[in-house]
Amino acid sequence: MTSVAAGVAVERVDVSAYTIPAEEPESDGTFEWDSTTVVVVEVAAGGETGLGYTYGPRAVAVLVDELLAPLLTGSDPVIFTGSDPVKAWAEMGRRLRNAGRPGIGAMAMSAVDIALWDLKARLEGLSLVKTLEERHDVVPLYGSGGFTSYSNDRLAEQLGGWVDEGFPQVKMKIGREPERDPSRLDAAREAIGEAELFVDANGAYGRSQALEWADRLAAWDVRWLEEPVTSDDPDGLRTVRERTTIDVAAGEYVYVLADARNLLQARAVDCLQADVTRCGGITGFLEVAALAHEHGLDVSAHCAPQTSAHACAAIPNLRHLEWFHDHVRVERMLFDGALEPEHGVLRPDRSRAGHGLELKRVEAQRHAA
């Protein structure tokens, strides 16, 4: 095992991007897509290679290559010694100041941070969840998909399938065509029986419409209402939250800690979301979770389940992790070592070093962006 404490110089940073076509066109309350692009970062040091990734455009890869990789491999690499991803994280944030840290800057930073944590764990010969402060043996999941582009039959098949596999909670998209949503909600409720039903409007409503739907959703025993209004409107979220007994959630667009603080100080949510591939990687995710803990709130991890599983198992205030249809499919296609759910939970692989993922290079190359 390499001695991390002694320091290991980074030898190489490789960045690549892959675009995976969707099985069919998909949509939610405010967006449509037919493919998903993944930016992969690999950091080599001490005979090991750490792997990180984020979901975003190819521009993220350019940002990593031009601004962040030189911090690790330049003639005077001022930060990373192989043992301190947190120090590297802080320096990356400074380097992104003029380029813009929120948005794709944070996504680039997230991919590198995940790779550095994976590298650290591999150099230590430990599973990533063991390198972090492990809090949970398993991570609860909820099935997520139910796109507005689906027929009612397809919606019922997907959500009902997750319940049959042991998922206690499932989520569907609403808000694109509100006139269709009652029949879609009927189909979902019939398909899942007594399982908990979550909905995600992706910010599709104004405040008045969100309040109306918060009242209407009680007819289907909905337990989770995600982004009834845009997360850029924390006062609007609080208004909805104060009017309904359904848990109101937001946070998938937390890029910097101030984004989380704005939601928490506004009392905008009952449960804070965070995305490890957007909020600054493992380091950022732990910071967001700690802030939520100070406010007495749980955290629900948004998407990217293969990496999120390790981060989730390391926070005390975990509620659950989103088993998102698109990311599940993409991560199975691109990575060896992908975890599989067991009756609605995900168990980080403690037998493999790091997060346990290896890029399937031949398969990935077919989708090179």
Protein backbone atom coordinates (compact mmCIF):
# COMPACT_ATOMS: atom_id res chain seq x y z
CA MET A 1 0.00 0.00 0.00
CA THR A 2 1.33 3.45 -0.91
CA SER A 3 2.02 5.75 2.01
CA VAL A 4 -0.38 8.63 1.46
CA ALA A 5 0.93 10.57 4.46
CA ALA A 6 4.33 10.82 2.77
CA GLY A 7 2.76 12.60 -0.20
CA VAL A 8 2.32 11.39 -3.77
CA ALA A 9 2.75 13.70 -6.74
CA VAL A 10 0.06 13.64 -9.41
CA GLU A 11 1.47 12.31 -12.66
CA ARG A 12 -1.41 12.77 -15.07
CA VAL A 13 -4.94 14.15 -15.37
CA ASP A 14 -7.07 12.81 -18.21
CA VAL A 15 -10.43 14.31 -19.14
CA SER A 16 -12.99 12.79 -21.51
CA ALA A 17 -16.67 13.24 -22.35
CA TYR A 18 -19.29 10.72 -23.47
CA THR A 19 -22.80 11.27 -24.79
CA ILE A 20 -25.31 8.46 -24.30
CA PRO A 21 -28.55 8.60 -26.32
CA ALA A 22 -31.72 8.17 -24.28
CA GLU A 23 -33.88 5.12 -24.92
CA GLU A 24 -36.59 7.53 -26.07
CA PRO A 25 -37.16 11.32 -25.85
CA GLU A 26 -37.69 12.36 -22.23
CA SER A 27 -39.08 15.44 -20.52
CA ASP A 28 -40.03 16.90 -17.17
CA GLY A 29 -41.95 20.02 -16.17
CA THR A 30 -39.52 22.48 -17.75
CA PHE A 31 -37.01 20.61 -19.94
CA GLU A 32 -36.71 18.03 -22.74
CA TRP A 33 -33.71 15.88 -23.68
CA ASP A 34 -32.72 12.93 -25.86
CA SER A 35 -29.21 12.22 -24.52
CA THR A 36 -27.02 12.52 -21.43
CA THR A 37 -23.40 13.72 -21.47
CA VAL A 38 -20.94 12.57 -18.82
CA VAL A 39 -17.56 14.23 -18.25
CA VAL A 40 -15.01 11.81 -16.73
CA VAL A 41 -11.83 12.89 -14.94
CA GLU A 42 -9.01 10.45 -14.14
CA VAL A 43 -6.13 11.46 -11.85
CA ALA A 44 -3.07 9.17 -11.73
CA ALA A 45 -0.55 9.13 -8.86
CA GLY A 46 1.51 6.55 -7.01
CA GLY A 47 0.53 3.70 -9.32
CA GLU A 48 -3.21 4.28 -8.80
CA THR A 49 -5.84 6.21 -10.75
CA GLY A 50 -8.80 7.98 -9.20
CA LEU A 51 -11.97 8.41 -11.25
CA GLY A 52 -14.53 11.20 -10.98
CA TYR A 53 -17.37 12.36 -13.16
CA THR A 54 -20.19 14.83 -13.55
CA TYR A 55 -23.23 15.20 -15.78
CA GLY A 56 -22.84 18.26 -17.97
CA PRO A 57 -21.80 19.61 -21.39
CA ARG A 58 -18.37 19.14 -22.98
CA ALA A 59 -17.54 22.66 -21.84
CA VAL A 60 -17.01 21.18 -18.37
CA ALA A 61 -14.17 19.07 -19.77
CA VAL A 62 -12.53 22.14 -21.29
CA LEU A 63 -12.73 23.93 -17.94
CA VAL A 64 -11.09 20.98 -16.16
CA ASP A 65 -8.36 20.75 -18.78
CA GLU A 66 -7.54 24.46 -18.92
CA LEU A 67 -7.98 25.61 -15.31
CA LEU A 68 -7.99 22.71 -12.86
CA ALA A 69 -5.64 20.06 -14.24
CA PRO A 70 -2.65 22.48 -14.21
CA LEU A 71 -3.12 22.91 -10.47
CA LEU A 72 -2.31 19.23 -10.06
CA THR A 73 0.31 18.65 -12.74
CA GLY A 74 2.01 22.00 -13.41
CA SER A 75 5.68 22.72 -12.90
CA ASP A 76 4.83 24.05 -9.45
CA PRO A 77 1.83 22.02 -8.26
CA VAL A 78 0.95 24.11 -5.23
CA ILE A 79 -1.78 21.94 -3.79
CA PHE A 80 -2.20 18.20 -4.06
CA THR A 81 0.22 15.80 -2.37
CA GLY A 82 -1.98 12.74 -2.69
CA SER A 83 -3.36 13.02 0.82
CA ASP A 84 -5.52 16.12 1.05
CA PRO A 85 -8.45 16.49 -1.37
CA VAL A 86 -9.91 19.22 0.85
CA LYS A 87 -6.89 21.45 0.30
CA ALA A 88 -7.16 20.86 -3.45
CA TRP A 89 -10.87 21.69 -3.28
CA ALA A 90 -10.21 25.08 -1.73
CA GLU A 91 -7.60 25.96 -4.32
CA MET A 92 -9.87 24.88 -7.18
CA GLY A 93 -12.54 27.23 -5.87
CA ARG A 94 -10.09 30.13 -5.96
CA ARG A 95 -8.91 29.25 -9.45
CA LEU A 96 -12.50 29.31 -10.74
CA ARG A 97 -13.24 32.76 -9.33
CA ASN A 98 -13.08 34.73 -12.57
CA ALA A 99 -14.38 31.91 -14.77
CA GLY A 100 -17.45 31.54 -12.54
CA ARG A 101 -17.61 28.90 -9.85
CA PRO A 102 -21.39 28.22 -9.80
CA GLY A 103 -22.77 26.16 -12.67
CA ILE A 104 -20.26 24.39 -14.88
CA GLY A 105 -17.39 25.63 -12.69
CA ALA A 106 -18.81 23.72 -9.74
CA MET A 107 -19.46 20.69 -11.94
CA ALA A 108 -15.83 20.67 -13.13
CA MET A 109 -14.66 21.02 -9.55
CA SER A 110 -16.98 18.17 -8.50
CA ALA A 111 -15.55 15.74 -11.05
CA VAL A 112 -11.97 16.47 -9.98
CA ASP A 113 -12.82 16.30 -6.27
CA ILE A 114 -14.49 12.91 -6.68
CA ALA A 115 -11.44 11.65 -8.57
CA LEU A 116 -9.12 12.89 -5.80
CA TRP A 117 -11.14 11.22 -3.05
CA ASP A 118 -11.24 8.00 -5.08
CA LEU A 119 -7.47 8.27 -5.58
CA LYS A 120 -6.87 8.85 -1.86
CA ALA A 121 -8.92 5.77 -0.96
CA ARG A 122 -7.15 3.64 -3.56
CA LEU A 123 -3.75 4.75 -2.30
CA GLU A 124 -4.83 3.77 1.20
CA GLY A 125 -6.20 0.45 -0.07
CA LEU A 126 -9.62 1.25 1.38
CA SER A 127 -13.15 1.54 0.12
CA LEU A 128 -14.14 5.20 -0.24
CA VAL A 129 -16.82 4.81 2.41
CA LYS A 130 -14.11 3.62 4.81
CA THR A 131 -11.86 6.56 3.97
CA LEU A 132 -14.77 8.84 4.82
CA GLU A 133 -16.36 8.68 8.29
CA GLU A 134 -18.78 5.81 7.76
CA ARG A 135 -22.22 6.31 9.34
CA HIS A 136 -24.51 3.84 7.57
CA ASP A 137 -24.22 0.27 6.37
CA VAL A 138 -26.76 0.75 3.56
CA VAL A 139 -28.29 3.72 1.74
CA PRO A 140 -32.09 3.86 1.26
CA LEU A 141 -33.24 4.45 -2.32
CA TYR A 142 -36.29 5.76 -4.08
CA GLY A 143 -37.00 4.97 -7.73
CA SER A 144 -37.09 8.07 -9.95
CA GLY A 145 -38.22 8.58 -13.53
CA GLY A 146 -41.85 8.82 -14.56
CA PHE A 147 -41.11 11.37 -17.27
CA THR A 148 -43.90 13.54 -18.62
CA SER A 149 -43.17 12.15 -22.09
CA TYR A 150 -44.19 8.65 -20.96
CA SER A 151 -47.56 7.15 -21.75
CA ASN A 152 -49.62 6.20 -18.72
CA ASP A 153 -48.88 2.53 -19.40
CA ARG A 154 -45.12 3.16 -19.52
CA LEU A 155 -45.35 5.26 -16.35
CA ALA A 156 -47.21 2.52 -14.50
CA GLU A 157 -44.81 -0.15 -15.74
CA GLN A 158 -41.73 1.73 -14.54
CA LEU A 159 -43.00 2.82 -11.14
CA GLY A 160 -44.73 -0.48 -10.46
CA GLY A 161 -41.57 -2.34 -11.46
CA TRP A 162 -39.54 -0.54 -8.81
CA VAL A 163 -42.12 -1.34 -6.16
CA ASP A 164 -42.02 -5.00 -7.21
CA GLU A 165 -38.22 -4.87 -6.69
CA GLY A 166 -38.68 -3.66 -3.12
CA PHE A 167 -38.49 0.13 -3.48
CA PRO A 168 -40.76 1.69 -0.83
CA GLN A 169 -40.93 5.07 -2.60
CA VAL A 170 -41.08 6.17 -6.25
CA LYS A 171 -41.10 9.54 -7.99
CA MET A 172 -42.70 10.87 -11.16
CA LYS A 173 -42.46 14.16 -13.05
CA ILE A 174 -45.42 16.55 -13.25
CA GLY A 175 -46.17 20.07 -14.45
CA ARG A 176 -45.53 20.08 -18.21
CA GLU A 177 -49.17 19.42 -19.16
CA PRO A 178 -51.18 19.91 -15.96
CA GLU A 179 -54.38 18.78 -17.62
CA ARG A 180 -52.85 15.29 -18.12
CA ASP A 181 -51.47 14.96 -14.62
CA PRO A 182 -54.62 13.71 -12.83
CA SER A 183 -54.83 10.68 -15.11
CA ARG A 184 -51.09 10.12 -14.80
CA LEU A 185 -51.31 10.29 -11.02
CA ASP A 186 -54.22 7.83 -11.11
CA ALA A 187 -52.13 5.40 -13.17
CA ALA A 188 -49.16 5.78 -10.85
CA ARG A 189 -51.18 5.26 -7.67
CA GLU A 190 -52.91 2.18 -9.07
CA ALA A 191 -49.56 0.70 -10.16
CA ILE A 192 -47.72 1.19 -6.86
CA GLY A 193 -50.42 0.29 -4.36
CA GLU A 194 -49.48 1.38 -0.84
CA ALA A 195 -45.94 2.53 -1.72
CA GLU A 196 -45.14 6.20 -1.16
CA LEU A 197 -45.59 8.46 -4.17
CA PHE A 198 -43.25 11.42 -4.78
CA VAL A 199 -43.66 14.10 -7.46
CA ASP A 200 -41.21 16.57 -9.01
CA ALA A 201 -42.44 19.69 -10.84
CA ASN A 202 -38.92 20.91 -11.70
CA GLY A 203 -39.99 24.48 -10.99
CA ALA A 204 -42.82 24.40 -13.52
CA TYR A 205 -45.37 26.31 -11.43
CA GLY A 206 -45.81 29.88 -10.31
CA ARG A 207 -46.68 30.37 -6.67
CA SER A 208 -50.48 30.33 -7.07
CA GLN A 209 -50.46 27.23 -9.26
CA ALA A 210 -48.04 25.50 -6.89
CA LEU A 211 -50.36 26.17 -3.96
CA GLU A 212 -53.31 24.81 -5.92
CA TRP A 213 -51.42 21.61 -6.78
CA ALA A 214 -50.13 21.19 -3.24
CA ASP A 215 -53.79 20.98 -2.18
CA ARG A 216 -54.82 18.70 -5.06
CA LEU A 217 -51.99 16.20 -4.58
CA ALA A 218 -53.43 15.07 -1.25
CA ALA A 219 -56.00 13.07 -3.25
CA TRP A 220 -53.21 10.72 -4.37
CA ASP A 221 -51.51 10.64 -0.94
CA VAL A 222 -48.37 12.30 -2.34
CA ARG A 223 -45.63 12.53 0.32
CA TRP A 224 -42.92 14.57 -1.43
CA LEU A 225 -43.28 17.68 -3.60
CA GLU A 226 -40.01 18.65 -5.26
CA GLU A 227 -39.43 22.12 -6.68
CA PRO A 228 -43.07 23.19 -6.93
CA VAL A 229 -41.58 26.56 -7.84
CA THR A 230 -38.04 27.21 -8.98
CA SER A 231 -35.36 26.88 -6.33
CA ASP A 232 -34.34 30.44 -7.27
CA ASP A 233 -37.47 31.49 -5.35
CA PRO A 234 -36.86 30.32 -1.75
CA ASP A 235 -39.65 32.55 -0.45
CA GLY A 236 -42.04 30.87 -2.87
CA LEU A 237 -40.91 27.45 -1.70
CA ARG A 238 -41.47 28.51 1.91
CA THR A 239 -44.96 29.76 1.03
CA VAL A 240 -45.86 26.35 -0.40
CA ARG A 241 -44.20 24.53 2.48
CA GLU A 242 -46.22 26.46 5.06
CA ARG A 243 -49.47 25.61 3.29
CA THR A 244 -49.07 21.85 2.90
CA THR A 245 -48.33 18.79 4.99
CA ILE A 246 -46.44 17.26 2.04
CA ASP A 247 -42.66 17.47 2.39
CA VAL A 248 -41.31 20.21 0.11
CA ALA A 249 -37.81 19.54 -1.25
CA ALA A 250 -35.23 21.38 -3.36
CA GLY A 251 -31.46 21.65 -3.64
CA GLU A 252 -30.36 19.75 -6.74
CA TYR A 253 -29.05 23.08 -8.08
CA VAL A 254 -26.94 23.84 -5.05
CA TYR A 255 -23.54 24.65 -6.57
CA VAL A 256 -21.90 26.55 -3.72
CA LEU A 257 -22.58 26.50 0.00
CA ALA A 258 -24.38 29.85 -0.18
CA ASP A 259 -27.05 28.22 -2.38
CA ALA A 260 -27.81 25.74 0.40
CA ARG A 261 -27.67 28.46 3.04
CA ASN A 262 -30.23 30.54 1.12
CA LEU A 263 -32.72 27.65 1.11
CA LEU A 264 -32.12 26.79 4.75
CA GLN A 265 -32.29 30.33 6.11
CA ALA A 266 -35.52 30.91 4.18
CA ARG A 267 -37.01 27.74 5.73
CA ALA A 268 -37.82 26.80 2.16
CA VAL A 269 -37.58 23.01 2.44
CA ASP A 270 -38.43 20.09 4.71
CA CYS A 271 -35.56 18.08 3.24
CA LEU A 272 -32.51 19.52 1.48
CA GLN A 273 -31.26 17.91 -1.70
CA ALA A 274 -27.65 17.91 -2.88
CA ASP A 275 -25.96 16.50 -5.98
CA VAL A 276 -22.41 15.23 -5.48
CA THR A 277 -21.62 15.94 -9.15
CA ARG A 278 -22.75 19.59 -8.88
CA CYS A 279 -22.15 20.85 -5.34
CA GLY A 280 -18.36 20.43 -5.30
CA GLY A 281 -17.94 16.68 -5.20
CA ILE A 282 -17.50 14.63 -2.03
CA THR A 283 -16.02 17.61 -0.15
CA GLY A 284 -18.87 19.91 -1.12
CA PHE A 285 -21.51 17.28 -0.38
CA LEU A 286 -20.16 16.79 3.15
CA GLU A 287 -20.20 20.57 3.72
CA VAL A 288 -23.80 20.89 2.52
CA ALA A 289 -24.86 17.97 4.71
CA ALA A 290 -23.14 19.50 7.74
CA LEU A 291 -24.95 22.80 7.16
CA ALA A 292 -28.30 21.03 6.84
CA HIS A 293 -27.54 19.13 10.06
CA GLU A 294 -27.02 22.44 11.86
CA HIS A 295 -30.54 23.40 10.76
CA GLY A 296 -32.00 20.08 11.88
CA LEU A 297 -32.78 18.84 8.36
CA ASP A 298 -32.15 15.61 6.49
CA VAL A 299 -30.36 15.43 3.14
CA SER A 300 -31.58 13.53 0.10
CA ALA A 301 -28.93 12.89 -2.55
CA HIS A 302 -29.82 13.82 -6.11
CA CYS A 303 -28.88 11.26 -8.78
CA ALA A 304 -25.41 9.86 -9.68
CA PRO A 305 -26.08 6.86 -7.43
CA GLN A 306 -22.77 5.02 -7.86
CA THR A 307 -20.67 7.79 -6.31
CA SER A 308 -23.43 9.20 -4.15
CA ALA A 309 -23.77 5.89 -2.28
CA HIS A 310 -20.39 6.37 -0.60
CA ALA A 311 -20.99 10.03 0.23
CA CYS A 312 -24.46 9.26 1.58
CA ALA A 313 -23.15 6.53 3.87
CA ALA A 314 -20.84 9.12 5.45
CA ILE A 315 -23.41 11.69 6.63
CA PRO A 316 -25.52 11.37 9.80
CA ASN A 317 -28.60 13.15 8.44
CA LEU A 318 -29.24 10.98 5.38
CA ARG A 319 -32.81 10.44 4.28
CA HIS A 320 -32.38 8.69 0.93
CA LEU A 321 -30.71 8.61 -2.49
CA GLU A 322 -32.40 9.07 -5.86
CA TRP A 323 -32.18 5.97 -8.07
CA PHE A 324 -32.63 8.01 -11.25
CA HIS A 325 -33.45 6.03 -14.37
CA ASP A 326 -31.11 7.86 -16.76
CA HIS A 327 -28.07 7.88 -14.48
CA VAL A 328 -28.57 4.25 -13.48
CA ARG A 329 -28.54 3.27 -17.14
CA VAL A 330 -25.55 5.47 -18.05
CA GLU A 331 -23.42 4.37 -15.10
CA ARG A 332 -24.08 0.71 -15.84
CA MET A 333 -23.02 1.28 -19.45
CA LEU A 334 -19.83 3.23 -18.71
CA PHE A 335 -18.48 1.70 -15.49
CA ASP A 336 -17.49 -1.72 -14.26
CA GLY A 337 -18.25 -2.20 -10.58
CA ALA A 338 -21.66 -0.53 -10.67
CA LEU A 339 -23.72 -1.35 -7.58
CA GLU A 340 -27.12 -3.00 -7.79
CA PRO A 341 -30.00 -2.33 -5.38
CA GLU A 342 -31.06 -4.87 -2.78
CA HIS A 343 -34.74 -4.50 -1.86
CA GLY A 344 -34.66 -0.74 -2.12
CA VAL A 345 -31.24 -0.05 -0.61
CA LEU A 346 -27.73 0.33 -2.00
CA ARG A 347 -24.77 -1.15 -0.21
CA PRO A 348 -21.37 0.46 -0.96
CA ASP A 349 -18.84 -2.17 -1.99
CA ARG A 350 -16.36 -2.34 0.88
CA SER A 351 -14.29 -5.04 -0.78
CA ARG A 352 -12.93 -2.75 -3.53
CA ALA A 353 -10.63 0.22 -3.13
CA GLY A 354 -12.10 3.66 -3.80
CA HIS A 355 -15.66 3.79 -5.05
CA GLY A 356 -14.96 0.62 -7.02
CA LEU A 357 -15.74 1.99 -10.48
CA GLU A 358 -13.57 1.41 -13.55
CA LEU A 359 -14.21 3.00 -16.92
CA LYS A 360 -15.28 0.52 -19.63
CA ARG A 361 -12.96 2.04 -22.19
CA VAL A 362 -14.12 0.17 -25.28
CA GLU A 363 -17.79 0.79 -24.55
CA ALA A 364 -17.13 4.39 -23.55
CA GLN A 365 -15.20 5.13 -26.73
CA ARG A 366 -18.28 4.29 -28.78
CA HIS A 367 -19.96 7.28 -27.17
CA ALA A 368 -17.04 9.70 -27.14
CA ALA A 369 -18.29 13.28 -27.40
